[in-house]
C-alpha cells in the first residue's frame, strides 16, 4: 500500500477493521498540523483497544497534543539501535 498517511482512511478498504498501526513517520519533526491530521486518521480508523506502535528518535519523550485519543502504554528506548530509538505503544481510548 502506498499513499499519503494524512489520507489513510482512503487507502484502507471500506469496512476493514484496523486493530494495529506501526508507524515510523517522524511525527515530532513534521509540521504540527500534518502530524495532527495523521493521528486524526488513526483515530478515525481504530476502535477502542486498537494499538499504535510509533518509533521515534526523540529520546526525551516530549509529548505533543497530536496523540489525543490514545493512552500511552509503554515507552522504551532501544539503545542497541543506531541511532537509539524510542518505541511508544499507545492504545486507542477516549477522545
PDB file of N, CA and C in Angstrom:
ATOM      1  N   UNK A   1       0.849  -1.166   0.000  1.00  0.00           N
ATOM      2  CA  UNK A   1       0.000   0.000   0.000  1.00  0.00           C
ATOM      3  C   UNK A   1       0.897   1.231   0.000  1.00  0.00           C
ATOM      4  N   UNK A   2       0.570   2.172  -0.825  1.00  0.00           N
ATOM      5  CA  UNK A   2       1.357   3.398  -0.894  1.00  0.00           C
ATOM      6  C   UNK A   2       0.406   4.574  -0.965  1.00  0.00           C
ATOM      7  N   UNK A   3       0.688   5.610  -0.186  1.00  0.00           N
ATOM      8  CA  UNK A   3      -0.151   6.785  -0.230  1.00  0.00           C
ATOM      9  C   UNK A   3       0.185   7.761   0.871  1.00  0.00           C
ATOM     10  N   UNK A   4      -0.607   8.789   0.973  1.00  0.00           N
ATOM     11  CA  UNK A   4      -0.429   9.853   1.946  1.00  0.00           C
ATOM     12  C   UNK A   4      -0.998   9.422   3.296  1.00  0.00           C
ATOM     13  N   UNK A   5      -0.180   9.401   4.337  1.00  0.00           N
ATOM     14  CA  UNK A   5      -0.637   8.997   5.669  1.00  0.00           C
ATOM     15  C   UNK A   5      -1.703   9.940   6.205  1.00  0.00           C
ATOM     16  N   UNK A   6      -1.733  11.163   5.709  1.00  0.00           N
ATOM     17  CA  UNK A   6      -2.763  12.109   6.116  1.00  0.00           C
ATOM     18  C   UNK A   6      -4.120  11.802   5.503  1.00  0.00           C
ATOM     19  N   UNK A   7      -4.152  10.840   4.586  1.00  0.00           N
ATOM     20  CA  UNK A   7      -5.396  10.385   3.960  1.00  0.00           C
ATOM     21  C   UNK A   7      -5.496   8.868   4.044  1.00  0.00           C
ATOM     22  N   UNK A   8      -5.085   8.326   5.184  1.00  0.00           N
ATOM     23  CA  UNK A   8      -5.011   6.878   5.382  1.00  0.00           C
ATOM     24  C   UNK A   8      -6.354   6.186   5.179  1.00  0.00           C
ATOM     25  N   UNK A   9      -7.440   6.786   5.632  1.00  0.00           N
ATOM     26  CA  UNK A   9      -8.762   6.158   5.505  1.00  0.00           C
ATOM     27  C   UNK A   9      -9.103   5.862   4.049  1.00  0.00           C
ATOM     28  N   UNK A  10      -8.627   6.677   3.127  1.00  0.00           N
ATOM     29  CA  UNK A  10      -8.909   6.456   1.705  1.00  0.00           C
ATOM     30  C   UNK A  10      -8.129   5.260   1.160  1.00  0.00           C
ATOM     31  N   UNK A  11      -7.078   4.843   1.854  1.00  0.00           N
ATOM     32  CA  UNK A  11      -6.245   3.732   1.397  1.00  0.00           C
ATOM     33  C   UNK A  11      -6.720   2.385   1.933  1.00  0.00           C
ATOM     34  N   UNK A  12      -7.440   2.409   3.042  1.00  0.00           N
ATOM     35  CA  UNK A  12      -7.890   1.182   3.693  1.00  0.00           C
ATOM     36  C   UNK A  12      -9.225   0.777   3.075  1.00  0.00           C
ATOM     37  N   UNK A  13      -9.378  -0.509   2.726  1.00  0.00           N
ATOM     38  CA  UNK A  13     -10.651  -0.942   2.156  1.00  0.00           C
ATOM     39  C   UNK A  13     -11.828  -0.616   3.082  1.00  0.00           C
ATOM     40  N   UNK A  14     -12.906  -0.142   2.504  1.00  0.00           N
ATOM     41  CA  UNK A  14     -14.110   0.218   3.268  1.00  0.00           C
ATOM     42  C   UNK A  14     -14.572  -0.978   4.097  1.00  0.00           C
ATOM     43  N   UNK A  15     -14.845  -0.718   5.374  1.00  0.00           N
ATOM     44  CA  UNK A  15     -15.331  -1.762   6.278  1.00  0.00           C
ATOM     45  C   UNK A  15     -14.235  -2.599   6.906  1.00  0.00           C
ATOM     46  N   UNK A  16     -12.975  -2.384   6.487  1.00  0.00           N
ATOM     47  CA  UNK A  16     -11.867  -3.154   7.072  1.00  0.00           C
ATOM     48  C   UNK A  16     -11.671  -2.746   8.524  1.00  0.00           C
ATOM     49  N   UNK A  17     -11.345  -3.708   9.356  1.00  0.00           N
ATOM     50  CA  UNK A  17     -11.081  -3.442  10.770  1.00  0.00           C
ATOM     51  C   UNK A  17      -9.586  -3.212  10.948  1.00  0.00           C
ATOM     52  N   UNK A  18      -9.230  -2.129  11.601  1.00  0.00           N
ATOM     53  CA  UNK A  18      -7.829  -1.805  11.856  1.00  0.00           C
ATOM     54  C   UNK A  18      -7.593  -1.941  13.351  1.00  0.00           C
ATOM     55  N   UNK A  19      -6.804  -2.949  13.726  1.00  0.00           N
ATOM     56  CA  UNK A  19      -6.513  -3.204  15.133  1.00  0.00           C
ATOM     57  C   UNK A  19      -5.164  -2.651  15.560  1.00  0.00           C
ATOM     58  N   UNK A  20      -4.262  -2.477  14.593  1.00  0.00           N
ATOM     59  CA  UNK A  20      -2.916  -2.015  14.936  1.00  0.00           C
ATOM     60  C   UNK A  20      -2.324  -1.230  13.776  1.00  0.00           C
ATOM     61  N   UNK A  21      -1.530  -0.243  14.139  1.00  0.00           N
ATOM     62  CA  UNK A  21      -0.779   0.555  13.171  1.00  0.00           C
ATOM     63  C   UNK A  21       0.648   0.635  13.685  1.00  0.00           C
ATOM     64  N   UNK A  22       1.608   0.364  12.813  1.00  0.00           N
ATOM     65  CA  UNK A  22       3.025   0.529  13.142  1.00  0.00           C
ATOM     66  C   UNK A  22       3.528   1.688  12.298  1.00  0.00           C
ATOM     67  N   UNK A  23       4.067   2.687  12.958  1.00  0.00           N
ATOM     68  CA  UNK A  23       4.473   3.903  12.272  1.00  0.00           C
ATOM     69  C   UNK A  23       5.911   4.276  12.581  1.00  0.00           C
ATOM     70  N   UNK A  24       6.629   4.605  11.526  1.00  0.00           N
ATOM     71  CA  UNK A  24       7.974   5.162  11.701  1.00  0.00           C
ATOM     72  C   UNK A  24       8.014   6.589  11.174  1.00  0.00           C
ATOM     73  N   UNK A  25       6.833   7.161  10.966  1.00  0.00           N
ATOM     74  CA  UNK A  25       6.775   8.543  10.492  1.00  0.00           C
ATOM     75  C   UNK A  25       7.396   9.483  11.523  1.00  0.00           C
ATOM     76  N   UNK A  26       8.106  10.491  11.083  1.00  0.00           N
ATOM     77  CA  UNK A  26       8.726  11.432  12.027  1.00  0.00           C
ATOM     78  C   UNK A  26       7.707  12.453  12.531  1.00  0.00           C
ATOM     79  N   UNK A  27       6.690  11.984  13.255  1.00  0.00           N
ATOM     80  CA  UNK A  27       5.596  12.852  13.675  1.00  0.00           C
ATOM     81  C   UNK A  27       6.065  14.085  14.420  1.00  0.00           C
ATOM     82  N   UNK A  28       7.062  13.935  15.270  1.00  0.00           N
ATOM     83  CA  UNK A  28       7.511  15.058  16.090  1.00  0.00           C
ATOM     84  C   UNK A  28       8.318  16.083  15.297  1.00  0.00           C
ATOM     85  N   UNK A  29       8.779  15.698  14.108  1.00  0.00           N
ATOM     86  CA  UNK A  29       9.509  16.682  13.299  1.00  0.00           C
ATOM     87  C   UNK A  29       8.663  17.215  12.142  1.00  0.00           C
ATOM     88  N   UNK A  30       7.468  16.652  11.945  1.00  0.00           N
ATOM     89  CA  UNK A  30       6.554  17.182  10.937  1.00  0.00           C
ATOM     90  C   UNK A  30       5.883  18.439  11.469  1.00  0.00           C
ATOM     91  N   UNK A  31       5.364  19.229  10.568  1.00  0.00           N
ATOM     92  CA  UNK A  31       4.533  20.359  10.955  1.00  0.00           C
ATOM     93  C   UNK A  31       3.410  19.830  11.852  1.00  0.00           C
ATOM     94  N   UNK A  32       3.099  20.560  12.918  1.00  0.00           N
ATOM     95  CA  UNK A  32       2.101  20.088  13.876  1.00  0.00           C
ATOM     96  C   UNK A  32       0.750  19.819  13.215  1.00  0.00           C
ATOM     97  N   UNK A  33       0.392  20.611  12.233  1.00  0.00           N
ATOM     98  CA  UNK A  33      -0.878  20.417  11.524  1.00  0.00           C
ATOM     99  C   UNK A  33      -0.874  19.086  10.759  1.00  0.00           C
ATOM    100  N   UNK A  34       0.261  18.754  10.130  1.00  0.00           N
ATOM    101  CA  UNK A  34       0.365  17.493   9.394  1.00  0.00           C
ATOM    102  C   UNK A  34       0.320  16.296  10.338  1.00  0.00           C
ATOM    103  N   UNK A  35       1.060  16.363  11.438  1.00  0.00           N
ATOM    104  CA  UNK A  35       1.054  15.229  12.377  1.00  0.00           C
ATOM    105  C   UNK A  35      -0.324  15.063  13.016  1.00  0.00           C
ATOM    106  N   UNK A  36      -1.009  16.164  13.296  1.00  0.00           N
ATOM    107  CA  UNK A  36      -2.358  16.080  13.865  1.00  0.00           C
ATOM    108  C   UNK A  36      -3.314  15.431  12.871  1.00  0.00           C
ATOM    109  N   UNK A  37      -3.169  15.728  11.579  1.00  0.00           N
ATOM    110  CA  UNK A  37      -4.019  15.132  10.545  1.00  0.00           C
ATOM    111  C   UNK A  37      -3.787  13.629  10.458  1.00  0.00           C
ATOM    112  N   UNK A  38      -2.538  13.203  10.573  1.00  0.00           N
ATOM    113  CA  UNK A  38      -2.215  11.774  10.524  1.00  0.00           C
ATOM    114  C   UNK A  38      -2.823  11.054  11.718  1.00  0.00           C
ATOM    115  N   UNK A  39      -2.652  11.615  12.905  1.00  0.00           N
ATOM    116  CA  UNK A  39      -3.206  10.991  14.108  1.00  0.00           C
ATOM    117  C   UNK A  39      -4.736  10.984  14.059  1.00  0.00           C
ATOM    118  N   UNK A  40      -5.338  12.000  13.475  1.00  0.00           N
ATOM    119  CA  UNK A  40      -6.796  12.017  13.314  1.00  0.00           C
ATOM    120  C   UNK A  40      -7.243  10.855  12.428  1.00  0.00           C
ATOM    121  N   UNK A  41      -6.460  10.527  11.414  1.00  0.00           N
ATOM    122  CA  UNK A  41      -6.765   9.365  10.579  1.00  0.00           C
ATOM    123  C   UNK A  41      -6.717   8.092  11.410  1.00  0.00           C
ATOM    124  N   UNK A  42      -5.702   7.968  12.284  1.00  0.00           N
ATOM    125  CA  UNK A  42      -5.618   6.793  13.161  1.00  0.00           C
ATOM    126  C   UNK A  42      -6.872   6.680  14.015  1.00  0.00           C
ATOM    127  N   UNK A  43      -7.254   7.811  14.618  1.00  0.00           N
ATOM    128  CA  UNK A  43      -8.437   7.801  15.494  1.00  0.00           C
ATOM    129  C   UNK A  43      -9.686   7.393  14.733  1.00  0.00           C
ATOM    130  N   UNK A  44      -9.813   7.859  13.512  1.00  0.00           N
ATOM    131  CA  UNK A  44     -10.994   7.550  12.725  1.00  0.00           C
ATOM    132  C   UNK A  44     -11.071   6.103  12.281  1.00  0.00           C
ATOM    133  N   UNK A  45      -9.932   5.445  12.162  1.00  0.00           N
ATOM    134  CA  UNK A  45      -9.897   4.060  11.689  1.00  0.00           C
ATOM    135  C   UNK A  45      -9.961   3.028  12.811  1.00  0.00           C
ATOM    136  N   UNK A  46      -9.580   3.410  14.013  1.00  0.00           N
ATOM    137  CA  UNK A  46      -9.457   2.436  15.101  1.00  0.00           C
ATOM    138  C   UNK A  46     -10.549   2.598  16.138  1.00  0.00           C
ATOM    139  N   UNK A  47     -10.990   1.475  16.649  1.00  0.00           N
ATOM    140  CA  UNK A  47     -11.921   1.485  17.769  1.00  0.00           C
ATOM    141  C   UNK A  47     -11.108   1.388  19.053  1.00  0.00           C
ATOM    142  N   UNK A  48     -11.800   1.510  20.182  1.00  0.00           N
ATOM    143  CA  UNK A  48     -11.131   1.382  21.474  1.00  0.00           C
ATOM    144  C   UNK A  48     -10.370   0.079  21.563  1.00  0.00           C
ATOM    145  N   UNK A  49      -9.196   0.142  22.142  1.00  0.00           N
ATOM    146  CA  UNK A  49      -8.358  -1.039  22.307  1.00  0.00           C
ATOM    147  C   UNK A  49      -7.348  -1.234  21.191  1.00  0.00           C
ATOM    148  N   UNK A  50      -7.520  -0.531  20.050  1.00  0.00           N
ATOM    149  CA  UNK A  50      -6.537  -0.633  18.980  1.00  0.00           C
ATOM    150  C   UNK A  50      -5.203  -0.065  19.443  1.00  0.00           C
ATOM    151  N   UNK A  51      -4.126  -0.522  18.843  1.00  0.00           N
ATOM    152  CA  UNK A  51      -2.782  -0.140  19.287  1.00  0.00           C
ATOM    153  C   UNK A  51      -1.999   0.501  18.151  1.00  0.00           C
ATOM    154  N   UNK A  52      -1.308   1.582  18.490  1.00  0.00           N
ATOM    155  CA  UNK A  52      -0.349   2.207  17.579  1.00  0.00           C
ATOM    156  C   UNK A  52       1.030   2.040  18.192  1.00  0.00           C
ATOM    157  N   UNK A  53       1.956   1.535  17.397  1.00  0.00           N
ATOM    158  CA  UNK A  53       3.360   1.459  17.807  1.00  0.00           C
ATOM    159  C   UNK A  53       4.096   2.479  16.955  1.00  0.00           C
ATOM    160  N   UNK A  54       4.701   3.425  17.622  1.00  0.00           N
ATOM    161  CA  UNK A  54       5.397   4.524  16.946  1.00  0.00           C
ATOM    162  C   UNK A  54       6.848   4.508  17.380  1.00  0.00           C
ATOM    163  N   UNK A  55       7.766   4.496  16.423  1.00  0.00           N
ATOM    164  CA  UNK A  55       9.145   4.679  16.851  1.00  0.00           C
ATOM    165  C   UNK A  55       9.668   5.998  16.369  1.00  0.00           C
ATOM    166  N   UNK A  56      10.503   6.589  17.240  1.00  0.00           N
ATOM    167  CA  UNK A  56      10.967   7.947  17.048  1.00  0.00           C
ATOM    168  C   UNK A  56      12.404   8.054  17.557  1.00  0.00           C
ATOM    169  N   UNK A  57      13.087   9.054  17.084  1.00  0.00           N
ATOM    170  CA  UNK A  57      14.438   9.323  17.583  1.00  0.00           C
ATOM    171  C   UNK A  57      14.427  10.430  18.617  1.00  0.00           C
ATOM    172  N   UNK A  58      13.256  10.825  19.058  1.00  0.00           N
ATOM    173  CA  UNK A  58      13.096  11.811  20.136  1.00  0.00           C
ATOM    174  C   UNK A  58      13.240  11.062  21.459  1.00  0.00           C
ATOM    175  N   UNK A  59      14.445  10.957  21.941  1.00  0.00           N
ATOM    176  CA  UNK A  59      14.705  10.168  23.146  1.00  0.00           C
ATOM    177  C   UNK A  59      14.207  10.824  24.416  1.00  0.00           C
ATOM    178  N   UNK A  60      13.956  12.129  24.366  1.00  0.00           N
ATOM    179  CA  UNK A  60      13.468  12.816  25.559  1.00  0.00           C
ATOM    180  C   UNK A  60      12.001  12.516  25.829  1.00  0.00           C
ATOM    181  N   UNK A  61      11.297  11.993  24.836  1.00  0.00           N
ATOM    182  CA  UNK A  61       9.904  11.620  25.028  1.00  0.00           C
ATOM    183  C   UNK A  61       8.966  12.793  25.208  1.00  0.00           C
ATOM    184  N   UNK A  62       9.310  13.925  24.597  1.00  0.00           N
ATOM    185  CA  UNK A  62       8.423  15.094  24.708  1.00  0.00           C
ATOM    186  C   UNK A  62       7.055  14.744  24.153  1.00  0.00           C
ATOM    187  N   UNK A  63       6.046  15.186  24.847  1.00  0.00           N
ATOM    188  CA  UNK A  63       4.675  14.912  24.412  1.00  0.00           C
ATOM    189  C   UNK A  63       4.166  16.040  23.541  1.00  0.00           C
ATOM    190  N   UNK A  64       3.362  15.712  22.546  1.00  0.00           N
ATOM    191  CA  UNK A  64       2.647  16.690  21.725  1.00  0.00           C
ATOM    192  C   UNK A  64       1.189  16.315  21.764  1.00  0.00           C
ATOM    193  N   UNK A  65       0.353  17.275  21.616  1.00  0.00           N
ATOM    194  CA  UNK A  65      -1.081  17.022  21.675  1.00  0.00           C
ATOM    195  C   UNK A  65      -1.571  16.192  20.500  1.00  0.00           C
ATOM    196  N   UNK A  66      -0.726  15.887  19.530  1.00  0.00           N
ATOM    197  CA  UNK A  66      -1.130  15.141  18.344  1.00  0.00           C
ATOM    198  C   UNK A  66      -1.539  13.705  18.639  1.00  0.00           C
ATOM    199  N   UNK A  67      -1.298  13.197  19.837  1.00  0.00           N
ATOM    200  CA  UNK A  67      -1.693  11.829  20.163  1.00  0.00           C
ATOM    201  C   UNK A  67      -2.991  11.803  20.973  1.00  0.00           C
ATOM    202  N   UNK A  68      -3.789  12.853  20.870  1.00  0.00           N
ATOM    203  CA  UNK A  68      -5.077  12.910  21.551  1.00  0.00           C
ATOM    204  C   UNK A  68      -5.920  11.710  21.140  1.00  0.00           C
ATOM    205  N   UNK A  69      -6.533  11.079  22.122  1.00  0.00           N
ATOM    206  CA  UNK A  69      -7.362   9.919  21.857  1.00  0.00           C
ATOM    207  C   UNK A  69      -6.641   8.605  22.070  1.00  0.00           C
ATOM    208  N   UNK A  70      -5.366   8.678  22.452  1.00  0.00           N
ATOM    209  CA  UNK A  70      -4.576   7.474  22.708  1.00  0.00           C
ATOM    210  C   UNK A  70      -3.944   7.552  24.091  1.00  0.00           C
ATOM    211  N   UNK A  71      -3.886   6.415  24.749  1.00  0.00           N
ATOM    212  CA  UNK A  71      -3.209   6.316  26.047  1.00  0.00           C
ATOM    213  C   UNK A  71      -1.873   5.621  25.840  1.00  0.00           C
ATOM    214  N   UNK A  72      -0.828   6.235  26.349  1.00  0.00           N
ATOM    215  CA  UNK A  72       0.489   5.622  26.233  1.00  0.00           C
ATOM    216  C   UNK A  72       0.556   4.405  27.137  1.00  0.00           C
ATOM    217  N   UNK A  73       0.980   3.282  26.600  1.00  0.00           N
ATOM    218  CA  UNK A  73       1.125   2.038  27.367  1.00  0.00           C
ATOM    219  C   UNK A  73       2.580   1.759  27.721  1.00  0.00           C
ATOM    220  N   UNK A  74       3.467   1.962  26.774  1.00  0.00           N
ATOM    221  CA  UNK A  74       4.895   1.768  27.037  1.00  0.00           C
ATOM    222  C   UNK A  74       5.687   2.836  26.292  1.00  0.00           C
ATOM    223  N   UNK A  75       6.878   3.059  26.761  1.00  0.00           N
ATOM    224  CA  UNK A  75       7.799   3.984  26.119  1.00  0.00           C
ATOM    225  C   UNK A  75       9.205   3.520  26.467  1.00  0.00           C
ATOM    226  N   UNK A  76       9.792   2.769  25.569  1.00  0.00           N
ATOM    227  CA  UNK A  76      11.100   2.180  25.827  1.00  0.00           C
ATOM    228  C   UNK A  76      12.128   2.699  24.828  1.00  0.00           C
ATOM    229  N   UNK A  77      13.355   2.830  25.296  1.00  0.00           N
ATOM    230  CA  UNK A  77      14.449   3.218  24.414  1.00  0.00           C
ATOM    231  C   UNK A  77      15.210   1.957  24.025  1.00  0.00           C
ATOM    232  N   UNK A  78      15.438   1.811  22.728  1.00  0.00           N
ATOM    233  CA  UNK A  78      16.208   0.682  22.211  1.00  0.00           C
ATOM    234  C   UNK A  78      17.619   1.206  21.947  1.00  0.00           C
ATOM    235  N   UNK A  79      18.483   0.977  22.929  1.00  0.00           N
ATOM    236  CA  UNK A  79      19.842   1.524  22.858  1.00  0.00           C
ATOM    237  C   UNK A  79      20.695   0.850  21.801  1.00  0.00           C
ATOM    238  N   UNK A  80      20.402  -0.417  21.487  1.00  0.00           N
ATOM    239  CA  UNK A  80      21.210  -1.143  20.510  1.00  0.00           C
ATOM    240  C   UNK A  80      20.970  -0.650  19.085  1.00  0.00           C
ATOM    241  N   UNK A  81      19.841   0.016  18.857  1.00  0.00           N
ATOM    242  CA  UNK A  81      19.567   0.613  17.555  1.00  0.00           C
ATOM    243  C   UNK A  81      20.527   1.780  17.342  1.00  0.00           C
ATOM    244  N   UNK A  82      21.009   1.969  16.115  1.00  0.00           N
ATOM    245  CA  UNK A  82      21.886   3.096  15.816  1.00  0.00           C
ATOM    246  C   UNK A  82      21.214   3.995  14.796  1.00  0.00           C
ATOM    247  N   UNK A  83      20.850   5.209  15.122  1.00  0.00           N
ATOM    248  CA  UNK A  83      20.922   5.777  16.469  1.00  0.00           C
ATOM    249  C   UNK A  83      19.838   5.176  17.363  1.00  0.00           C
ATOM    250  N   UNK A  84      20.022   5.294  18.685  1.00  0.00           N
ATOM    251  CA  UNK A  84      18.997   4.769  19.595  1.00  0.00           C
ATOM    252  C   UNK A  84      17.617   5.343  19.259  1.00  0.00           C
ATOM    253  N   UNK A  85      16.597   4.544  19.472  1.00  0.00           N
ATOM    254  CA  UNK A  85      15.231   4.963  19.140  1.00  0.00           C
ATOM    255  C   UNK A  85      14.305   4.710  20.315  1.00  0.00           C
ATOM    256  N   UNK A  86      13.287   5.541  20.431  1.00  0.00           N
ATOM    257  CA  UNK A  86      12.231   5.335  21.428  1.00  0.00           C
ATOM    258  C   UNK A  86      11.077   4.635  20.726  1.00  0.00           C
ATOM    259  N   UNK A  87      10.550   3.582  21.366  1.00  0.00           N
ATOM    260  CA  UNK A  87       9.399   2.863  20.843  1.00  0.00           C
ATOM    261  C   UNK A  87       8.237   3.110  21.787  1.00  0.00           C
ATOM    262  N   UNK A  88       7.196   3.742  21.257  1.00  0.00           N
ATOM    263  CA  UNK A  88       5.995   4.052  22.037  1.00  0.00           C
ATOM    264  C   UNK A  88       4.877   3.121  21.609  1.00  0.00           C
ATOM    265  N   UNK A  89       4.167   2.575  22.577  1.00  0.00           N
ATOM    266  CA  UNK A  89       2.955   1.816  22.279  1.00  0.00           C
ATOM    267  C   UNK A  89       1.809   2.585  22.910  1.00  0.00           C
ATOM    268  N   UNK A  90       0.807   2.904  22.087  1.00  0.00           N
ATOM    269  CA  UNK A  90      -0.333   3.688  22.557  1.00  0.00           C
ATOM    270  C   UNK A  90      -1.616   2.943  22.210  1.00  0.00           C
ATOM    271  N   UNK A  91      -2.545   2.951  23.150  1.00  0.00           N
ATOM    272  CA  UNK A  91      -3.820   2.273  22.960  1.00  0.00           C
ATOM    273  C   UNK A  91      -4.913   3.290  22.679  1.00  0.00           C
ATOM    274  N   UNK A  92      -5.764   2.979  21.724  1.00  0.00           N
ATOM    275  CA  UNK A  92      -6.888   3.853  21.386  1.00  0.00           C
ATOM    276  C   UNK A  92      -7.861   3.889  22.552  1.00  0.00           C
ATOM    277  N   UNK A  93      -8.121   5.070  23.028  1.00  0.00           N
ATOM    278  CA  UNK A  93      -9.038   5.252  24.143  1.00  0.00           C
ATOM    279  C   UNK A  93     -10.038   6.327  23.795  1.00  0.00           C
ATOM    280  N   UNK A  94     -10.530   6.984  24.801  1.00  0.00           N
ATOM    281  CA  UNK A  94     -11.488   8.067  24.577  1.00  0.00           C
ATOM    282  C   UNK A  94     -10.797   9.309  24.076  1.00  0.00           C
ATOM    283  N   UNK A  95     -11.572  10.158  23.425  1.00  0.00           N
ATOM    284  CA  UNK A  95     -11.040  11.429  22.942  1.00  0.00           C
ATOM    285  C   UNK A  95     -11.012  12.360  24.102  1.00  0.00           C
TER     286      UNK A  95
END
